[in-house]
């Protein structure tokens, strides 16, 4: 990839719509928070922890992900983690970020729901004040737990309804189809929350269909396996259902063996609305610009694709329509230069 295209990818305005804030915990911050909170880790050093990031599938990643989250105990911990991510995103010219957070990962360790969301939300407010970044929170239910647990989490969340805009579904996909959470998503829809779900990463295309038909989600997180089902692919394109694709994550978790095998270009060629995101950047080898530059290095993608991906990142967001139009106009002005 030539230097001018790389610079264009790095500097263009963009939104990030698929990023788990707990997945931005770099090993250095994990050790700093462990020391601050008196938490003993089973790894002796930052380097030893980094070496453990050799994942064979989604579950092997989740085992380390939950261990890393154990250092998050106080509101300031959640603030520091979020602030660190937002600083990286700002440097990558992310103008708007919609962050996933996993309260059950923390409440089951005895951390109060308010402690979690207040720290994250405060960092988003500071990023808006200091950098002009907009941001929003999407609360995810852990799909390996029961729907009853999800309902309990929703009840804990309602006093903080002003601090989050929607709900999602993440964690282990295999064996946990979307319809397992049909009732809680129906309740969230009644409450006016925006709805998204992870589907079609390791799970089959049918999980994408049931996320749409049963959960009534507005966006599919990942969704890369949709191309195995031609009818589903046509539906996603026709209905302009966005896919929040995470290339480095897909390679790290062996959804694709190599970056060059990724189906990003085929998704675009099929007329799908696609965005590029970092998922869990501390664990998967890069933030949003790293995902862009890797894909554009190994696939025959050009400036036209970059503009489309940047525009669609705002179009697929949950921003008000007037803000979407303003930011897409910024993208157009950037490329016109």
Protein backbone atom coordinates (compact mmCIF):
# COMPACT_ATOMS: atom_id res chain seq x y z
CA UNK A 1 0.00 0.00 0.00
CA UNK A 2 1.42 3.37 -0.97
CA UNK A 3 2.03 6.07 1.62
CA UNK A 4 -0.70 8.38 0.31
CA UNK A 5 -3.42 5.73 0.73
CA UNK A 6 -2.16 4.88 4.20
CA UNK A 7 -2.26 8.54 5.18
CA UNK A 8 -5.77 8.87 3.77
CA UNK A 9 -7.00 5.88 5.82
CA UNK A 10 -5.40 7.21 8.99
CA UNK A 11 -6.65 10.78 8.67
CA UNK A 12 -10.17 10.32 7.29
CA UNK A 13 -13.04 10.94 9.76
CA UNK A 14 -14.65 7.71 10.91
CA UNK A 15 -16.90 6.14 13.52
CA UNK A 16 -16.23 2.97 15.48
CA UNK A 17 -19.32 0.89 16.22
CA UNK A 18 -17.98 -2.47 17.45
CA UNK A 19 -15.53 -2.11 20.32
CA UNK A 20 -15.74 -3.85 23.70
CA UNK A 21 -14.30 -1.42 26.19
CA UNK A 22 -13.00 -4.22 28.40
CA UNK A 23 -11.17 -5.48 25.33
CA UNK A 24 -9.11 -2.29 25.20
CA UNK A 25 -7.28 -3.14 28.44
CA UNK A 26 -3.62 -3.20 27.44
CA UNK A 27 -1.34 -5.48 29.51
CA UNK A 28 0.49 -2.47 30.96
CA UNK A 29 -2.77 -1.04 32.32
CA UNK A 30 -3.87 -4.47 33.59
CA UNK A 31 -0.69 -4.67 35.69
CA UNK A 32 -0.99 -1.05 36.85
CA UNK A 33 -4.59 -1.59 38.00
CA UNK A 34 -3.69 -4.94 39.60
CA UNK A 35 -1.02 -3.20 41.66
CA UNK A 36 -3.33 -0.30 42.55
CA UNK A 37 -6.10 -2.67 43.69
CA UNK A 38 -4.00 -5.42 45.24
CA UNK A 39 -5.09 -8.04 42.69
CA UNK A 40 -2.77 -10.99 42.12
CA UNK A 41 -2.43 -12.07 38.50
CA UNK A 42 -1.30 -15.51 37.40
CA UNK A 43 1.14 -13.88 34.95
CA UNK A 44 4.47 -12.63 36.27
CA UNK A 45 5.02 -9.86 33.72
CA UNK A 46 3.52 -7.83 30.89
CA UNK A 47 5.52 -9.89 28.39
CA UNK A 48 4.25 -13.19 29.80
CA UNK A 49 0.67 -11.93 29.58
CA UNK A 50 1.19 -10.79 25.98
CA UNK A 51 2.57 -14.21 25.07
CA UNK A 52 -0.70 -15.73 26.32
CA UNK A 53 -2.57 -13.89 23.56
CA UNK A 54 -2.22 -16.90 21.23
CA UNK A 55 -5.87 -17.75 20.69
CA UNK A 56 -7.21 -20.77 18.86
CA UNK A 57 -10.87 -19.72 18.90
CA UNK A 58 -13.34 -17.38 20.57
CA UNK A 59 -13.47 -19.31 23.85
CA UNK A 60 -9.69 -19.33 24.33
CA UNK A 61 -9.77 -15.54 23.98
CA UNK A 62 -12.69 -15.15 26.39
CA UNK A 63 -10.83 -17.08 29.10
CA UNK A 64 -8.04 -14.46 29.11
CA UNK A 65 -10.47 -11.57 28.55
CA UNK A 66 -12.37 -12.34 31.76
CA UNK A 67 -9.12 -12.79 33.70
CA UNK A 68 -7.94 -9.36 32.57
CA UNK A 69 -11.22 -7.76 33.61
CA UNK A 70 -10.67 -8.96 37.19
CA UNK A 71 -8.50 -5.89 37.91
CA UNK A 72 -11.45 -3.52 37.34
CA UNK A 73 -12.93 -2.79 40.76
CA UNK A 74 -13.44 0.97 41.24
CA UNK A 75 -15.10 3.70 39.21
CA UNK A 76 -11.70 5.25 38.50
CA UNK A 77 -10.52 1.95 37.00
CA UNK A 78 -13.36 1.99 34.47
CA UNK A 79 -12.68 5.67 33.77
CA UNK A 80 -8.95 5.09 33.19
CA UNK A 81 -9.60 2.15 30.87
CA UNK A 82 -12.14 4.10 28.80
CA UNK A 83 -10.03 7.25 28.74
CA UNK A 84 -7.06 5.27 27.38
CA UNK A 85 -9.18 3.83 24.56
CA UNK A 86 -10.74 7.18 23.66
CA UNK A 87 -7.28 8.75 23.44
CA UNK A 88 -6.24 6.08 20.94
CA UNK A 89 -9.48 6.50 19.00
CA UNK A 90 -9.06 10.28 18.87
CA UNK A 91 -5.55 9.78 17.46
CA UNK A 92 -7.11 7.51 14.80
CA UNK A 93 -9.55 10.31 13.84
CA UNK A 94 -12.57 8.52 15.28
CA UNK A 95 -15.24 11.20 15.54
CA UNK A 96 -17.93 9.01 17.10
CA UNK A 97 -17.65 5.79 19.12
CA UNK A 98 -20.37 3.40 20.27
CA UNK A 99 -18.87 1.26 23.01
CA UNK A 100 -19.99 -2.14 24.24
CA UNK A 101 -19.67 -2.90 27.94
CA UNK A 102 -20.29 -6.18 29.77
CA UNK A 103 -21.75 -5.43 33.23
CA UNK A 104 -22.24 -9.12 34.10
CA UNK A 105 -18.47 -9.62 33.89
CA UNK A 106 -18.19 -7.22 36.81
CA UNK A 107 -21.41 -7.57 38.84
CA UNK A 108 -20.82 -11.31 39.27
CA UNK A 109 -17.52 -10.31 40.95
CA UNK A 110 -19.39 -8.03 43.35
CA UNK A 111 -18.74 -4.75 41.51
CA UNK A 112 -21.79 -2.47 41.59
CA UNK A 113 -23.46 -1.72 38.24
CA UNK A 114 -23.30 2.00 38.96
CA UNK A 115 -19.54 1.82 39.50
CA UNK A 116 -19.09 0.29 36.04
CA UNK A 117 -21.27 2.59 34.00
CA UNK A 118 -20.41 5.79 35.84
CA UNK A 119 -16.68 5.45 35.19
CA UNK A 120 -17.15 4.67 31.51
CA UNK A 121 -19.74 7.41 31.00
CA UNK A 122 -17.58 10.05 32.69
CA UNK A 123 -14.73 9.31 30.30
CA UNK A 124 -17.08 9.71 27.33
CA UNK A 125 -18.20 13.09 28.68
CA UNK A 126 -14.59 14.25 29.05
CA UNK A 127 -13.77 13.13 25.48
CA UNK A 128 -16.71 15.16 24.19
CA UNK A 129 -15.53 18.24 26.08
CA UNK A 130 -11.84 17.97 25.23
CA UNK A 131 -11.85 16.52 21.71
CA UNK A 132 -15.36 17.02 20.37
CA UNK A 133 -15.84 13.25 20.11
CA UNK A 134 -19.38 11.97 20.46
CA UNK A 135 -19.97 8.62 22.09
CA UNK A 136 -22.61 6.23 23.36
CA UNK A 137 -22.83 3.04 25.40
CA UNK A 138 -24.44 -0.26 24.43
CA UNK A 139 -24.90 -2.75 27.26
CA UNK A 140 -24.25 -6.35 26.23
CA UNK A 141 -25.80 -9.46 27.71
CA UNK A 142 -23.43 -12.43 28.02
CA UNK A 143 -25.02 -15.17 25.95
CA UNK A 144 -23.36 -18.04 27.82
CA UNK A 145 -25.41 -16.99 30.86
CA UNK A 146 -29.17 -17.42 31.17
CA UNK A 147 -31.92 -15.11 29.98
CA UNK A 148 -32.92 -14.74 33.63
CA UNK A 149 -29.47 -13.29 34.32
CA UNK A 150 -29.98 -10.88 31.41
CA UNK A 151 -33.32 -9.75 32.87
CA UNK A 152 -31.65 -9.18 36.25
CA UNK A 153 -28.95 -7.09 34.56
CA UNK A 154 -31.58 -5.05 32.75
CA UNK A 155 -33.27 -4.27 36.07
CA UNK A 156 -29.95 -3.12 37.53
CA UNK A 157 -29.41 -0.94 34.49
CA UNK A 158 -32.73 0.90 34.43
CA UNK A 159 -31.79 3.51 37.07
CA UNK A 160 -28.96 4.48 34.66
CA UNK A 161 -31.13 4.52 31.53
CA UNK A 162 -29.86 8.00 30.62
CA UNK A 163 -26.30 6.68 30.31
CA UNK A 164 -26.80 3.98 27.63
CA UNK A 165 -28.66 3.86 24.33
CA UNK A 166 -29.05 0.17 23.54
CA UNK A 167 -28.35 -3.47 24.26
CA UNK A 168 -26.34 -6.13 22.50
CA UNK A 169 -25.50 -9.81 22.75
CA UNK A 170 -21.92 -11.09 22.99
CA UNK A 171 -19.64 -13.80 24.46
CA UNK A 172 -19.62 -17.46 23.31
CA UNK A 173 -21.72 -17.77 20.14
CA UNK A 174 -21.64 -21.52 19.59
CA UNK A 175 -24.56 -23.26 21.27
CA UNK A 176 -26.21 -19.99 22.31
CA UNK A 177 -28.55 -18.93 19.49
CA UNK A 178 -30.13 -15.46 19.52
CA UNK A 179 -33.63 -16.79 20.25
CA UNK A 180 -32.40 -17.79 23.72
CA UNK A 181 -32.84 -14.07 24.55
CA UNK A 182 -36.12 -13.39 22.73
CA UNK A 183 -38.07 -12.22 25.79
CA UNK A 184 -35.45 -9.86 27.20
CA UNK A 185 -34.88 -8.26 23.79
CA UNK A 186 -38.65 -7.81 23.42
CA UNK A 187 -38.65 -5.99 26.76
CA UNK A 188 -35.72 -3.81 25.69
CA UNK A 189 -37.59 -2.94 22.49
CA UNK A 190 -40.59 -1.85 24.60
CA UNK A 191 -38.22 0.40 26.57
CA UNK A 192 -37.10 2.12 23.38
CA UNK A 193 -33.54 0.78 23.43
CA UNK A 194 -31.56 0.28 20.21
CA UNK A 195 -30.90 -3.42 19.49
CA UNK A 196 -27.82 -5.15 18.09
CA UNK A 197 -26.40 -8.67 18.38
CA UNK A 198 -23.25 -10.62 17.57
CA UNK A 199 -24.15 -13.21 14.94
CA UNK A 200 -22.45 -15.05 12.12
CA UNK A 201 -18.91 -14.85 13.52
CA UNK A 202 -18.39 -18.45 14.61
CA UNK A 203 -22.10 -19.21 14.55
CA UNK A 204 -23.94 -20.12 11.32
CA UNK A 205 -25.80 -17.74 8.99
CA UNK A 206 -29.06 -18.90 10.61
CA UNK A 207 -28.02 -17.00 13.75
CA UNK A 208 -28.04 -13.80 11.68
CA UNK A 209 -31.54 -14.57 10.44
CA UNK A 210 -32.91 -15.26 13.92
CA UNK A 211 -31.21 -12.15 15.32
CA UNK A 212 -33.17 -10.17 12.71
CA UNK A 213 -36.47 -12.06 12.88
CA UNK A 214 -36.68 -12.94 16.58
CA UNK A 215 -34.64 -10.27 18.35
CA UNK A 216 -35.50 -7.56 15.77
CA UNK A 217 -31.98 -6.14 15.83
CA UNK A 218 -31.02 -3.11 13.75
CA UNK A 219 -27.35 -4.03 13.21
CA UNK A 220 -25.44 -7.30 13.02
CA UNK A 221 -22.10 -7.39 14.81
CA UNK A 222 -19.63 -9.41 12.71
CA UNK A 223 -21.97 -11.19 10.27
CA UNK A 224 -19.14 -12.34 8.01
CA UNK A 225 -20.66 -15.80 7.51
CA UNK A 226 -23.72 -14.32 5.77
CA UNK A 227 -22.12 -15.01 2.37
CA UNK A 228 -22.74 -18.73 2.94
CA UNK A 229 -26.45 -17.97 2.43
CA UNK A 230 -27.24 -16.15 -0.82
CA UNK A 231 -30.83 -15.33 0.13
CA UNK A 232 -29.73 -13.88 3.49
CA UNK A 233 -26.99 -11.83 1.80
CA UNK A 234 -29.52 -10.36 -0.63
CA UNK A 235 -31.84 -9.51 2.27
CA UNK A 236 -29.08 -7.75 4.21
CA UNK A 237 -28.15 -5.72 1.13
CA UNK A 238 -31.75 -4.87 0.24
CA UNK A 239 -32.66 -3.82 3.79
CA UNK A 240 -29.34 -2.02 4.32
CA UNK A 241 -28.68 -3.89 7.58
CA UNK A 242 -25.20 -2.82 8.68
CA UNK A 243 -22.49 -5.36 9.50
CA UNK A 244 -19.89 -4.20 12.02
CA UNK A 245 -16.90 -6.21 10.76
CA UNK A 246 -13.70 -6.67 12.78
CA UNK A 247 -10.95 -7.98 10.47
CA UNK A 248 -7.98 -8.39 12.85
CA UNK A 249 -10.27 -10.10 15.35
CA UNK A 250 -11.52 -12.50 12.68
CA UNK A 251 -7.94 -13.51 11.84
CA UNK A 252 -6.79 -13.72 15.46
CA UNK A 253 -9.74 -15.99 16.34
CA UNK A 254 -9.25 -18.16 13.22
CA UNK A 255 -12.51 -17.21 11.50
CA UNK A 256 -10.10 -16.65 8.57
CA UNK A 257 -6.64 -18.20 8.45
CA UNK A 258 -4.96 -15.10 6.98
CA UNK A 259 -5.84 -11.46 6.51
CA UNK A 260 -5.66 -12.01 2.75
CA UNK A 261 -8.45 -14.62 3.09
CA UNK A 262 -10.87 -12.16 4.69
CA UNK A 263 -14.15 -11.67 2.81
CA UNK A 264 -14.40 -7.90 3.38
CA UNK A 265 -14.16 -7.10 -0.31
CA UNK A 266 -16.74 -9.74 -1.20
CA UNK A 267 -19.10 -8.25 1.39
CA UNK A 268 -18.68 -4.83 -0.23
CA UNK A 269 -19.07 -6.27 -3.74
CA UNK A 270 -22.35 -7.87 -2.59
CA UNK A 271 -23.72 -4.40 -1.87
CA UNK A 272 -23.70 -4.76 1.90
CA UNK A 273 -23.40 -1.88 4.35
CA UNK A 274 -20.11 -2.64 6.10
CA UNK A 275 -18.07 -0.88 8.78
CA UNK A 276 -14.53 -1.65 9.98
CA UNK A 277 -13.91 -1.89 13.72
CA UNK A 278 -11.38 -3.14 16.25
CA UNK A 279 -13.52 -5.40 18.52
CA UNK A 280 -11.02 -6.04 21.36
CA UNK A 281 -7.98 -4.07 20.19
CA UNK A 282 -5.63 -4.82 23.07
CA UNK A 283 -6.01 -8.55 22.42
CA UNK A 284 -6.28 -8.67 18.62
CA UNK A 285 -3.29 -6.61 17.56
CA UNK A 286 -4.63 -3.21 16.65
CA UNK A 287 -7.04 -0.31 16.91
CA UNK A 288 -9.36 0.85 14.15
CA UNK A 289 -6.70 2.36 11.86
CA UNK A 290 -4.65 -0.83 12.16
CA UNK A 291 -7.67 -2.76 10.88
CA UNK A 292 -8.05 -0.39 7.93
CA UNK A 293 -4.39 -0.46 6.93
CA UNK A 294 -4.13 -4.25 7.23
CA UNK A 295 -7.15 -4.85 5.00
CA UNK A 296 -6.08 -2.28 2.41
CA UNK A 297 -2.58 -3.79 2.39
CA UNK A 298 -3.68 -7.33 1.56
CA UNK A 299 -6.87 -6.80 -0.48
CA UNK A 300 -7.30 -4.80 -3.73
CA UNK A 301 -9.17 -1.97 -2.00
CA UNK A 302 -8.78 1.66 -3.03
CA UNK A 303 -9.81 5.23 -2.21
CA UNK A 304 -13.36 4.57 -3.40
CA UNK A 305 -13.75 1.77 -0.85
CA UNK A 306 -12.22 3.95 1.88
CA UNK A 307 -14.77 6.70 1.29
CA UNK A 308 -17.64 4.21 1.29
CA UNK A 309 -16.47 2.61 4.54
CA UNK A 310 -16.02 5.99 6.23
CA UNK A 311 -19.46 7.21 5.13
CA UNK A 312 -21.15 3.96 6.14
CA UNK A 313 -19.56 4.07 9.59
CA UNK A 314 -21.61 7.19 10.29
CA UNK A 315 -24.69 6.02 8.36
CA UNK A 316 -24.77 2.81 10.42
CA UNK A 317 -24.41 4.64 13.74
CA UNK A 318 -27.21 5.49 16.17
CA UNK A 319 -26.53 9.21 15.90
CA UNK A 320 -29.43 11.58 15.12
CA UNK A 321 -29.96 11.95 11.37
CA UNK A 322 -28.73 15.56 11.32
CA UNK A 323 -25.44 14.51 12.93
CA UNK A 324 -25.05 11.64 10.46
CA UNK A 325 -25.51 14.04 7.55
CA UNK A 326 -23.02 16.52 9.01
CA UNK A 327 -20.35 13.88 9.54
CA UNK A 328 -20.88 12.26 6.14
CA UNK A 329 -20.49 15.72 4.62
CA UNK A 330 -17.17 15.96 6.47
CA UNK A 331 -16.11 12.68 4.86
CA UNK A 332 -17.08 13.99 1.43
CA UNK A 333 -15.18 17.23 2.01
CA UNK A 334 -12.12 15.29 3.19
CA UNK A 335 -12.08 13.13 0.05
CA UNK A 336 -12.76 16.13 -2.19
CA UNK A 337 -9.43 17.56 -1.04
